[in-house]
C-alpha atoms as a PDB file:
ATOM      1  CA  MET A   1     -35.137  -9.232 -14.275  1.00  0.00           C
ATOM      2  CA  SER A   2     -31.705  -7.680 -14.915  1.00  0.00           C
ATOM      3  CA  PHE A   3     -29.650  -4.880 -13.427  1.00  0.00           C
ATOM      4  CA  ILE A   4     -26.572  -3.038 -14.617  1.00  0.00           C
ATOM      5  CA  GLY A   5     -23.778  -2.006 -12.287  1.00  0.00           C
ATOM      6  CA  LEU A   6     -21.164   0.628 -13.158  1.00  0.00           C
ATOM      7  CA  ASP A   7     -17.827   1.233 -11.491  1.00  0.00           C
ATOM      8  CA  ILE A   8     -16.545   4.648 -12.607  1.00  0.00           C
ATOM      9  CA  GLY A   9     -12.875   4.657 -11.653  1.00  0.00           C
ATOM     10  CA  GLY A  10     -10.063   7.072 -12.309  1.00  0.00           C
ATOM     11  CA  THR A  11      -8.677   5.113 -15.255  1.00  0.00           C
ATOM     12  CA  THR A  12     -11.396   2.626 -16.266  1.00  0.00           C
ATOM     13  CA  THR A  13     -15.179   2.439 -16.190  1.00  0.00           C
ATOM     14  CA  HIS A  14     -16.349  -1.137 -15.737  1.00  0.00           C
ATOM     15  CA  ALA A  15     -19.934  -2.289 -16.279  1.00  0.00           C
ATOM     16  CA  VAL A  16     -21.651  -5.591 -15.500  1.00  0.00           C
ATOM     17  CA  LEU A  17     -25.033  -6.988 -16.469  1.00  0.00           C
ATOM     18  CA  CYS A  18     -26.429  -9.068 -13.599  1.00  0.00           C
ATOM     19  CA  ASP A  19     -29.490 -11.223 -13.176  1.00  0.00           C
ATOM     20  CA  ASP A  20     -31.722 -11.118 -10.111  1.00  0.00           C
ATOM     21  CA  ASP A  21     -29.253 -13.363  -8.242  1.00  0.00           C
ATOM     22  CA  LEU A  22     -26.392 -10.961  -9.117  1.00  0.00           C
ATOM     23  CA  LEU A  23     -24.716 -13.473 -11.408  1.00  0.00           C
ATOM     24  CA  VAL A  24     -22.738 -11.628 -14.082  1.00  0.00           C
ATOM     25  CA  GLY A  25     -23.969 -12.399 -17.580  1.00  0.00           C
ATOM     26  CA  ALA A  26     -21.960  -9.840 -19.531  1.00  0.00           C
ATOM     27  CA  GLU A  27     -19.300  -7.200 -18.917  1.00  0.00           C
ATOM     28  CA  ALA A  28     -17.925  -4.174 -20.728  1.00  0.00           C
ATOM     29  CA  SER A  29     -15.300  -1.574 -19.961  1.00  0.00           C
ATOM     30  CA  ALA A  30     -13.757   1.551 -21.416  1.00  0.00           C
ATOM     31  CA  PRO A  31     -11.159   4.150 -20.385  1.00  0.00           C
ATOM     32  CA  THR A  32     -12.579   6.834 -18.096  1.00  0.00           C
ATOM     33  CA  PRO A  33     -12.077  10.312 -19.609  1.00  0.00           C
ATOM     34  CA  ALA A  34     -11.415  11.678 -16.123  1.00  0.00           C
ATOM     35  CA  ARG A  35      -9.553  14.754 -17.372  1.00  0.00           C
ATOM     36  CA  SER A  36     -12.228  15.645 -19.920  1.00  0.00           C
ATOM     37  CA  GLY A  37     -14.970  16.626 -17.504  1.00  0.00           C
ATOM     38  CA  ALA A  38     -18.161  15.211 -16.043  1.00  0.00           C
ATOM     39  CA  ALA A  39     -20.172  15.252 -19.277  1.00  0.00           C
ATOM     40  CA  ALA A  40     -17.585  13.113 -21.050  1.00  0.00           C
ATOM     41  CA  MET A  41     -17.467  10.683 -18.138  1.00  0.00           C
ATOM     42  CA  LEU A  42     -21.239  10.309 -18.052  1.00  0.00           C
ATOM     43  CA  ASP A  43     -21.401   9.958 -21.849  1.00  0.00           C
ATOM     44  CA  GLY A  44     -18.876   7.116 -21.681  1.00  0.00           C
ATOM     45  CA  ALA A  45     -20.764   5.413 -18.869  1.00  0.00           C
ATOM     46  CA  ALA A  46     -24.021   5.724 -20.811  1.00  0.00           C
ATOM     47  CA  ARG A  47     -22.487   4.017 -23.849  1.00  0.00           C
ATOM     48  CA  LEU A  48     -21.537   1.030 -21.700  1.00  0.00           C
ATOM     49  CA  VAL A  49     -25.035   0.839 -20.208  1.00  0.00           C
ATOM     50  CA  LEU A  50     -26.664   0.914 -23.621  1.00  0.00           C
ATOM     51  CA  ARG A  51     -24.259  -1.733 -24.918  1.00  0.00           C
ATOM     52  CA  LEU A  52     -25.109  -4.136 -22.075  1.00  0.00           C
ATOM     53  CA  ARG A  53     -28.803  -3.303 -22.247  1.00  0.00           C
ATOM     54  CA  GLY A  54     -28.725  -4.513 -25.830  1.00  0.00           C
ATOM     55  CA  GLN A  55     -27.300  -7.855 -24.658  1.00  0.00           C
ATOM     56  CA  ALA A  56     -29.893  -8.462 -21.932  1.00  0.00           C
ATOM     57  CA  VAL A  57     -32.259 -11.377 -22.480  1.00  0.00           C
ATOM     58  CA  ASP A  58     -34.889  -9.765 -20.245  1.00  0.00           C
ATOM     59  CA  THR A  59     -35.838  -6.296 -19.068  1.00  0.00           C
ATOM     60  CA  VAL A  60     -33.195  -4.146 -17.396  1.00  0.00           C
ATOM     61  CA  HIS A  61     -34.940  -2.647 -14.382  1.00  0.00           C
ATOM     62  CA  GLY A  62     -32.307  -0.231 -13.193  1.00  0.00           C
ATOM     63  CA  VAL A  63     -28.710   0.940 -13.079  1.00  0.00           C
ATOM     64  CA  GLY A  64     -26.439   1.321 -10.073  1.00  0.00           C
ATOM     65  CA  VAL A  65     -23.418   3.597 -10.209  1.00  0.00           C
ATOM     66  CA  ALA A  66     -20.354   3.322  -7.999  1.00  0.00           C
ATOM     67  CA  ALA A  67     -18.542   6.630  -8.250  1.00  0.00           C
ATOM     68  CA  ALA A  68     -15.110   7.574  -6.990  1.00  0.00           C
ATOM     69  CA  GLY A  69     -15.227  10.362  -4.434  1.00  0.00           C
ATOM     70  CA  MET A  70     -17.594  11.293  -1.627  1.00  0.00           C
ATOM     71  CA  LEU A  71     -21.171  11.062  -2.868  1.00  0.00           C
ATOM     72  CA  ASP A  72     -24.413  12.104  -1.184  1.00  0.00           C
ATOM     73  CA  PRO A  73     -26.699   9.096  -1.826  1.00  0.00           C
ATOM     74  CA  ARG A  74     -29.834  11.155  -1.279  1.00  0.00           C
ATOM     75  CA  SER A  75     -29.102  13.490  -4.170  1.00  0.00           C
ATOM     76  CA  GLY A  76     -26.759  11.249  -6.173  1.00  0.00           C
ATOM     77  CA  ARG A  77     -24.360  14.197  -6.357  1.00  0.00           C
ATOM     78  CA  ILE A  78     -20.571  14.139  -5.917  1.00  0.00           C
ATOM     79  CA  VAL A  79     -19.723  16.127  -2.776  1.00  0.00           C
ATOM     80  CA  ARG A  80     -15.943  15.821  -2.983  1.00  0.00           C
ATOM     81  CA  ALA A  81     -13.560  14.343  -5.526  1.00  0.00           C
ATOM     82  CA  SER A  82      -9.808  14.053  -5.921  1.00  0.00           C
ATOM     83  CA  ASP A  83      -7.881  16.148  -8.413  1.00  0.00           C
ATOM     84  CA  SER A  84      -7.660  13.079 -10.666  1.00  0.00           C
ATOM     85  CA  PHE A  85     -11.155  14.003 -11.889  1.00  0.00           C
ATOM     86  CA  HIS A  86     -11.699  17.281 -13.726  1.00  0.00           C
ATOM     87  CA  GLY A  87     -15.070  18.884 -13.025  1.00  0.00           C
ATOM     88  CA  TRP A  88     -16.428  15.849 -11.167  1.00  0.00           C
ATOM     89  CA  GLU A  89     -17.196  17.573  -7.861  1.00  0.00           C
ATOM     90  CA  GLY A  90     -20.818  18.706  -7.757  1.00  0.00           C
ATOM     91  CA  THR A  91     -21.907  16.398 -10.588  1.00  0.00           C
ATOM     92  CA  PRO A  92     -25.426  14.928 -10.217  1.00  0.00           C
ATOM     93  CA  VAL A  93     -24.311  11.438 -11.239  1.00  0.00           C
ATOM     94  CA  ALA A  94     -27.632   9.627 -10.833  1.00  0.00           C
ATOM     95  CA  ALA A  95     -29.723  12.278 -12.579  1.00  0.00           C
ATOM     96  CA  GLY A  96     -27.155  12.898 -15.305  1.00  0.00           C
ATOM     97  CA  LEU A  97     -26.831   9.244 -16.248  1.00  0.00           C
ATOM     98  CA  GLY A  98     -30.572   8.646 -15.929  1.00  0.00           C
ATOM     99  CA  GLU A  99     -31.239  11.319 -18.545  1.00  0.00           C
ATOM    100  CA  ARG A 100     -28.826   9.622 -20.920  1.00  0.00           C
ATOM    101  CA  VAL A 101     -30.086   6.034 -20.621  1.00  0.00           C
ATOM    102  CA  ASP A 102     -33.777   6.518 -19.744  1.00  0.00           C
ATOM    103  CA  LEU A 103     -33.596   4.062 -16.840  1.00  0.00           C
ATOM    104  CA  PRO A 104     -33.879   4.442 -13.061  1.00  0.00           C
ATOM    105  CA  VAL A 105     -30.396   5.172 -11.690  1.00  0.00           C
ATOM    106  CA  VAL A 106     -29.127   5.089  -8.117  1.00  0.00           C
ATOM    107  CA  ALA A 107     -25.605   5.953  -7.001  1.00  0.00           C
ATOM    108  CA  ASP A 108     -23.215   5.593  -4.100  1.00  0.00           C
ATOM    109  CA  ASN A 109     -19.472   5.815  -3.657  1.00  0.00           C
ATOM    110  CA  ASP A 110     -17.234   3.015  -4.848  1.00  0.00           C
ATOM    111  CA  VAL A 111     -16.194   1.605  -1.467  1.00  0.00           C
ATOM    112  CA  ASN A 112     -19.781   1.472  -0.213  1.00  0.00           C
ATOM    113  CA  CYS A 113     -20.648  -0.463  -3.359  1.00  0.00           C
ATOM    114  CA  PHE A 114     -17.671  -2.765  -2.783  1.00  0.00           C
ATOM    115  CA  LEU A 115     -19.062  -3.673   0.639  1.00  0.00           C
ATOM    116  CA  ILE A 116     -22.636  -3.978  -0.659  1.00  0.00           C
ATOM    117  CA  GLY A 117     -21.407  -6.414  -3.307  1.00  0.00           C
ATOM    118  CA  GLU A 118     -19.517  -8.539  -0.787  1.00  0.00           C
ATOM    119  CA  VAL A 119     -22.545  -8.653   1.533  1.00  0.00           C
ATOM    120  CA  ALA A 120     -24.945  -9.435  -1.286  1.00  0.00           C
ATOM    121  CA  ALA A 121     -22.910 -12.045  -3.134  1.00  0.00           C
ATOM    122  CA  GLY A 122     -19.385 -12.303  -1.753  1.00  0.00           C
ATOM    123  CA  ALA A 123     -17.185 -12.828   1.283  1.00  0.00           C
ATOM    124  CA  LEU A 124     -19.621 -11.301   3.803  1.00  0.00           C
ATOM    125  CA  ARG A 125     -22.788 -12.729   2.305  1.00  0.00           C
ATOM    126  CA  GLY A 126     -25.735 -12.207   4.617  1.00  0.00           C
ATOM    127  CA  VAL A 127     -23.945 -10.524   7.539  1.00  0.00           C
ATOM    128  CA  GLU A 128     -25.750  -7.901   9.609  1.00  0.00           C
ATOM    129  CA  ASP A 129     -22.675  -5.907  10.649  1.00  0.00           C
ATOM    130  CA  GLY A 130     -19.344  -5.639   8.845  1.00  0.00           C
ATOM    131  CA  VAL A 131     -16.493  -3.438   7.657  1.00  0.00           C
ATOM    132  CA  GLY A 132     -15.124  -3.046   4.129  1.00  0.00           C
ATOM    133  CA  ILE A 133     -11.640  -1.723   3.357  1.00  0.00           C
ATOM    134  CA  THR A 134     -10.084  -1.177  -0.058  1.00  0.00           C
ATOM    135  CA  LEU A 135      -6.334  -0.806  -0.493  1.00  0.00           C
ATOM    136  CA  GLY A 136      -5.517   0.704  -3.854  1.00  0.00           C
ATOM    137  CA  THR A 137      -4.090   4.004  -5.028  1.00  0.00           C
ATOM    138  CA  GLY A 138      -5.762   5.312  -1.874  1.00  0.00           C
ATOM    139  CA  VAL A 139      -7.443   3.643   1.088  1.00  0.00           C
ATOM    140  CA  GLY A 140     -11.229   3.460   1.319  1.00  0.00           C
ATOM    141  CA  GLY A 141     -13.615   2.282   3.997  1.00  0.00           C
ATOM    142  CA  ALA A 142     -17.288   1.420   4.374  1.00  0.00           C
ATOM    143  CA  LEU A 143     -19.500   0.374   7.286  1.00  0.00           C
ATOM    144  CA  TRP A 144     -22.430  -2.063   7.226  1.00  0.00           C
ATOM    145  CA  SER A 145     -24.646  -1.963  10.319  1.00  0.00           C
ATOM    146  CA  GLY A 146     -28.014  -3.551  10.955  1.00  0.00           C
ATOM    147  CA  GLY A 147     -28.245  -4.699   7.355  1.00  0.00           C
ATOM    148  CA  ARG A 148     -27.525  -1.359   5.704  1.00  0.00           C
ATOM    149  CA  ILE A 149     -24.693   0.959   4.707  1.00  0.00           C
ATOM    150  CA  LEU A 150     -23.965   3.804   7.098  1.00  0.00           C
ATOM    151  CA  HIS A 151     -23.739   7.045   5.146  1.00  0.00           C
ATOM    152  CA  GLY A 152     -23.576   9.802   7.737  1.00  0.00           C
ATOM    153  CA  ARG A 153     -23.726  13.446   6.760  1.00  0.00           C
ATOM    154  CA  ASP A 154     -23.255  13.940   3.014  1.00  0.00           C
ATOM    155  CA  GLY A 155     -22.205  10.304   2.587  1.00  0.00           C
ATOM    156  CA  GLY A 156     -18.987  10.796   4.569  1.00  0.00           C
ATOM    157  CA  ALA A 157     -19.251   7.909   7.049  1.00  0.00           C
ATOM    158  CA  GLY A 158     -16.634   5.160   6.948  1.00  0.00           C
ATOM    159  CA  GLU A 159     -13.733   7.183   5.516  1.00  0.00           C
ATOM    160  CA  LEU A 160     -11.211   4.918   7.241  1.00  0.00           C
ATOM    161  CA  GLY A 161      -8.370   5.933   4.948  1.00  0.00           C
ATOM    162  CA  HIS A 162      -8.486   9.414   6.438  1.00  0.00           C
ATOM    163  CA  LEU A 163      -8.410   8.487  10.087  1.00  0.00           C
ATOM    164  CA  PRO A 164      -5.575  10.453  11.745  1.00  0.00           C
ATOM    165  CA  GLY A 165      -2.945   9.295  14.182  1.00  0.00           C
ATOM    166  CA  TYR A 166      -0.559   7.405  11.885  1.00  0.00           C
ATOM    167  CA  GLY A 167       2.503   9.640  11.935  1.00  0.00           C
ATOM    168  CA  ASP A 168       3.013  12.964  10.210  1.00  0.00           C
ATOM    169  CA  GLU A 169       3.438  12.227   6.507  1.00  0.00           C
ATOM    170  CA  PRO A 170       1.337  14.236   4.005  1.00  0.00           C
ATOM    171  CA  CYS A 171      -1.914  12.717   2.782  1.00  0.00           C
ATOM    172  CA  SER A 172      -3.520  13.092  -0.641  1.00  0.00           C
ATOM    173  CA  CYS A 173      -6.325  15.098   1.008  1.00  0.00           C
ATOM    174  CA  GLY A 174      -3.872  17.797   2.076  1.00  0.00           C
ATOM    175  CA  ARG A 175      -3.711  16.828   5.739  1.00  0.00           C
ATOM    176  CA  ARG A 176      -1.169  14.683   7.547  1.00  0.00           C
ATOM    177  CA  GLY A 177      -0.818  11.366   9.334  1.00  0.00           C
ATOM    178  CA  HIS A 178      -3.809   9.538   7.882  1.00  0.00           C
ATOM    179  CA  LEU A 179      -3.942   5.757   7.386  1.00  0.00           C
ATOM    180  CA  GLU A 180      -3.657   6.355   3.641  1.00  0.00           C
ATOM    181  CA  THR A 181      -0.148   7.789   4.116  1.00  0.00           C
ATOM    182  CA  LEU A 182       1.032   4.309   5.122  1.00  0.00           C
ATOM    183  CA  ALA A 183      -1.254   1.725   3.529  1.00  0.00           C
ATOM    184  CA  ALA A 184      -2.110   3.054   0.053  1.00  0.00           C
ATOM    185  CA  GLY A 185      -0.232   1.736  -2.965  1.00  0.00           C
ATOM    186  CA  ARG A 186       1.269   5.109  -3.820  1.00  0.00           C
ATOM    187  CA  SER A 187       2.322   5.546  -0.187  1.00  0.00           C
ATOM    188  CA  LEU A 188       4.086   2.193  -0.118  1.00  0.00           C
ATOM    189  CA  LEU A 189       6.003   3.231  -3.222  1.00  0.00           C
ATOM    190  CA  ARG A 190       6.773   6.744  -1.963  1.00  0.00           C
ATOM    191  CA  ARG A 191       8.034   5.506   1.411  1.00  0.00           C
ATOM    192  CA  TYR A 192      10.233   2.851  -0.193  1.00  0.00           C
ATOM    193  CA  LEU A 193      11.774   5.342  -2.597  1.00  0.00           C
ATOM    194  CA  ALA A 194      12.420   7.718   0.318  1.00  0.00           C
ATOM    195  CA  ARG A 195      14.458   4.940   1.919  1.00  0.00           C
ATOM    196  CA  GLY A 196      16.652   4.654  -1.148  1.00  0.00           C
ATOM    197  CA  GLY A 197      14.872   1.779  -2.863  1.00  0.00           C
ATOM    198  CA  THR A 198      14.316   1.510  -6.603  1.00  0.00           C
ATOM    199  CA  ALA A 199      10.811   0.622  -7.828  1.00  0.00           C
ATOM    200  CA  ALA A 200       8.095   1.746 -10.234  1.00  0.00           C
ATOM    201  CA  SER A 201       5.030   0.447  -8.366  1.00  0.00           C
ATOM    202  CA  ALA A 202       3.789  -0.978  -5.089  1.00  0.00           C
ATOM    203  CA  ALA A 203       4.013  -4.421  -6.708  1.00  0.00           C
ATOM    204  CA  ASP A 204       7.740  -3.829  -7.200  1.00  0.00           C
ATOM    205  CA  VAL A 205       8.049  -2.930  -3.503  1.00  0.00           C
ATOM    206  CA  ALA A 206       6.238  -6.156  -2.619  1.00  0.00           C
ATOM    207  CA  ALA A 207       8.644  -8.153  -4.774  1.00  0.00           C
ATOM    208  CA  ALA A 208      11.571  -6.480  -3.008  1.00  0.00           C
ATOM    209  CA  ALA A 209      10.084  -7.344   0.385  1.00  0.00           C
ATOM    210  CA  ARG A 210       9.683 -10.989  -0.616  1.00  0.00           C
ATOM    211  CA  ALA A 211      13.327 -10.965  -1.737  1.00  0.00           C
ATOM    212  CA  GLY A 212      14.382  -9.823   1.736  1.00  0.00           C
ATOM    213  CA  ASP A 213      14.896  -6.082   1.185  1.00  0.00           C
ATOM    214  CA  GLU A 214      14.611  -4.725   4.740  1.00  0.00           C
ATOM    215  CA  ARG A 215      13.492  -1.290   3.518  1.00  0.00           C
ATOM    216  CA  ALA A 216      10.542  -2.840   1.688  1.00  0.00           C
ATOM    217  CA  VAL A 217       9.745  -5.125   4.625  1.00  0.00           C
ATOM    218  CA  GLU A 218       9.677  -2.094   6.927  1.00  0.00           C
ATOM    219  CA  VAL A 219       7.284  -0.226   4.622  1.00  0.00           C
ATOM    220  CA  PHE A 220       4.846  -3.154   4.502  1.00  0.00           C
ATOM    221  CA  THR A 221       5.144  -3.768   8.245  1.00  0.00           C
ATOM    222  CA  ASP A 222       4.231  -0.149   8.987  1.00  0.00           C
ATOM    223  CA  ALA A 223       1.256  -0.411   6.652  1.00  0.00           C
ATOM    224  CA  ALA A 224       0.075  -3.662   8.213  1.00  0.00           C
ATOM    225  CA  ARG A 225       0.325  -2.325  11.772  1.00  0.00           C
ATOM    226  CA  ALA A 226      -1.708   0.727  10.857  1.00  0.00           C
ATOM    227  CA  LEU A 227      -4.272  -1.394   9.023  1.00  0.00           C
ATOM    228  CA  GLY A 228      -4.555  -3.755  11.981  1.00  0.00           C
ATOM    229  CA  MET A 229      -5.233  -0.899  14.393  1.00  0.00           C
ATOM    230  CA  THR A 230      -7.830   0.535  12.019  1.00  0.00           C
ATOM    231  CA  ILE A 231      -9.600  -2.826  11.908  1.00  0.00           C
ATOM    232  CA  VAL A 232      -9.542  -2.963  15.716  1.00  0.00           C
ATOM    233  CA  ALA A 233     -11.036   0.524  15.984  1.00  0.00           C
ATOM    234  CA  ALA A 234     -13.682   0.080  13.281  1.00  0.00           C
ATOM    235  CA  THR A 235     -14.896  -3.320  14.451  1.00  0.00           C
ATOM    236  CA  ARG A 236     -14.941  -2.198  18.085  1.00  0.00           C
ATOM    237  CA  LEU A 237     -16.978   0.931  17.349  1.00  0.00           C
ATOM    238  CA  LEU A 238     -19.402  -0.956  15.128  1.00  0.00           C
ATOM    239  CA  ALA A 239     -19.536  -4.107  17.314  1.00  0.00           C
ATOM    240  CA  ALA A 240     -18.816  -6.058  14.115  1.00  0.00           C
ATOM    241  CA  ASP A 241     -16.759  -9.219  13.762  1.00  0.00           C
ATOM    242  CA  ARG A 242     -16.486  -9.446   9.964  1.00  0.00           C
ATOM    243  CA  VAL A 243     -14.119  -7.515   7.706  1.00  0.00           C
ATOM    244  CA  VAL A 244     -13.574  -7.774   3.963  1.00  0.00           C
ATOM    245  CA  VAL A 245     -10.482  -6.324   2.293  1.00  0.00           C
ATOM    246  CA  GLY A 246     -10.033  -5.685  -1.428  1.00  0.00           C
ATOM    247  CA  GLY A 247      -8.092  -3.553  -3.883  1.00  0.00           C
ATOM    248  CA  GLY A 248      -4.869  -3.943  -5.808  1.00  0.00           C
ATOM    249  CA  VAL A 249      -2.581  -3.839  -2.765  1.00  0.00           C
ATOM    250  CA  THR A 250      -4.117  -7.101  -1.538  1.00  0.00           C
ATOM    251  CA  GLY A 251      -1.915  -8.743  -4.149  1.00  0.00           C
ATOM    252  CA  ALA A 252       0.652  -8.417  -1.344  1.00  0.00           C
ATOM    253  CA  TRP A 253      -1.670  -9.787   1.337  1.00  0.00           C
ATOM    254  CA  ASP A 254       0.949 -12.427   2.166  1.00  0.00           C
ATOM    255  CA  LEU A 255       3.151  -9.566   3.409  1.00  0.00           C
ATOM    256  CA  LEU A 256       0.386  -7.731   5.252  1.00  0.00           C
ATOM    257  CA  ALA A 257      -1.712 -10.504   6.780  1.00  0.00           C
ATOM    258  CA  PRO A 258       0.684 -11.883   9.440  1.00  0.00           C
ATOM    259  CA  VAL A 259       1.203  -8.461  11.041  1.00  0.00           C
ATOM    260  CA  VAL A 260      -2.456  -7.457  10.650  1.00  0.00           C
ATOM    261  CA  HIS A 261      -3.597 -10.601  12.461  1.00  0.00           C
ATOM    262  CA  GLU A 262      -0.909 -10.153  15.126  1.00  0.00           C
ATOM    263  CA  VAL A 263      -2.085  -6.607  15.863  1.00  0.00           C
ATOM    264  CA  VAL A 264      -5.774  -7.583  15.921  1.00  0.00           C
ATOM    265  CA  ALA A 265      -5.060 -10.538  18.225  1.00  0.00           C
ATOM    266  CA  ALA A 266      -3.160  -8.237  20.609  1.00  0.00           C
ATOM    267  CA  HIS A 267      -6.294  -6.079  21.027  1.00  0.00           C
ATOM    268  CA  PRO A 268      -9.197  -8.517  21.481  1.00  0.00           C
ATOM    269  CA  PRO A 269     -12.724  -7.221  22.039  1.00  0.00           C
ATOM    270  CA  LEU A 270     -14.146  -7.293  25.550  1.00  0.00           C
ATOM    271  CA  PHE A 271     -16.819  -9.705  24.356  1.00  0.00           C
ATOM    272  CA  GLY A 272     -17.071 -12.010  21.374  1.00  0.00           C
ATOM    273  CA  PRO A 273     -14.533 -13.388  18.913  1.00  0.00           C
ATOM    274  CA  LEU A 274     -11.662 -11.692  17.135  1.00  0.00           C
ATOM    275  CA  PRO A 275     -12.706 -10.096  13.836  1.00  0.00           C
ATOM    276  CA  ASP A 276     -12.874 -12.516  10.916  1.00  0.00           C
ATOM    277  CA  ILE A 277     -10.803 -10.797   8.201  1.00  0.00           C
ATOM    278  CA  ARG A 278     -11.440 -12.040   4.663  1.00  0.00           C
ATOM    279  CA  LEU A 279     -10.213 -11.108   1.224  1.00  0.00           C
ATOM    280  CA  THR A 280     -12.763 -10.138  -1.408  1.00  0.00           C
ATOM    281  CA  ALA A 281     -14.606 -13.058  -3.000  1.00  0.00           C
ATOM    282  CA  LEU A 282     -15.704 -11.000  -6.013  1.00  0.00           C
ATOM    283  CA  GLY A 283     -12.277  -9.618  -6.891  1.00  0.00           C
ATOM    284  CA  ALA A 284     -12.078  -6.859  -9.466  1.00  0.00           C
ATOM    285  CA  ALA A 285     -15.831  -7.096 -10.154  1.00  0.00           C
ATOM    286  CA  ALA A 286     -16.844  -6.424  -6.531  1.00  0.00           C
ATOM    287  CA  VAL A 287     -17.577  -2.714  -6.960  1.00  0.00           C
ATOM    288  CA  ALA A 288     -19.612  -3.111 -10.156  1.00  0.00           C
ATOM    289  CA  VAL A 289     -21.566  -6.083  -8.744  1.00  0.00           C
ATOM    290  CA  GLY A 290     -22.232  -4.012  -5.633  1.00  0.00           C
ATOM    291  CA  ALA A 291     -23.565  -1.227  -7.848  1.00  0.00           C
ATOM    292  CA  ALA A 292     -25.907  -3.753  -9.496  1.00  0.00           C
ATOM    293  CA  ALA A 293     -27.009  -4.853  -6.024  1.00  0.00           C
ATOM    294  CA  LEU A 294     -27.643  -1.187  -5.217  1.00  0.00           C
ATOM    295  CA  ALA A 295     -29.877  -0.946  -8.293  1.00  0.00           C
ATOM    296  CA  ARG A 296     -31.741  -4.037  -7.125  1.00  0.00           C
ATOM    297  CA  LEU A 297     -32.208  -2.474  -3.700  1.00  0.00           C
ATOM    298  CA  GLY A 298     -33.516   0.615  -5.438  1.00  0.00           C
ATOM    299  CA  CYS A 299     -36.213  -1.554  -6.976  1.00  0.00           C
ATOM    300  CA  GLY A 300     -37.260  -2.786  -3.524  1.00  0.00           C
ATOM    301  CA  THR A 301     -35.353  -6.093  -3.389  1.00  0.00           C
ATOM    302  CA  GLU A 302     -33.458  -6.855  -0.190  1.00  0.00           C
ATOM    303  CA  VAL A 303     -29.838  -7.962   0.021  1.00  0.00           C
ATOM    304  CA  PRO A 304     -30.047 -11.778   0.389  1.00  0.00           C
ATOM    305  CA  ALA A 305     -29.477 -13.308   3.807  1.00  0.00           C
END
């Protein structure tokens, strides 16, 4: 029994072919035509599915799709998307892809799939309650409670990147003071440049911080403090003691981790241990593997304990 997982990102669509134990047997990727509209994006995703289906040694039973943006899992439709995607909002992702590949398709947003993958086969394998956070171009969050993802109304639960109370800088969503304004990769770069630094990426800012540039150190310290307080809030509300963090900005985890752990330790829960904060075990494949796990769940198989 095989399943295909798709991670439709702003620049790349990544697909994996997994067996029933979620071991990756084959992978494929292609640029995402995000500016060309929903039909082009779904056509590209379908080509990857058909390519991997042709490589499967047994029957492919379903496809899981991890889509950027807020997605209603009941309808498989994109509720809200960033302006990086042209014509993506309102797209019935599950139905549209299903028509193209003639397979059962289920869909959820990318950060939910990230957490599903880590619970099914990664750093949080088998946990009942946990929090997932991705630090990339933006900041994403997901909540796992009682052995399932919390979706909330229209799939909007767990949007940790858009929690307010972190200053007054503008956020990508049009509001101000959200966690994403401090901890996202583009925010790290923007804040460093505003302090007179010279860099082309968040990785450059990290290199400057490691070299002792106080402006870069300040930017990462602010991000880590905000991330630590978000972890405190999320784990306290969910009564969870496990957190998994992924995304490109974790390449600078050495700069973030000491302050994150300091903040979390300064705000211990009333009962139980401090949250166990882990980096992704599945790395760049976490979202796509989580989408494959979602497809397996859609076929009635439970996430392994």
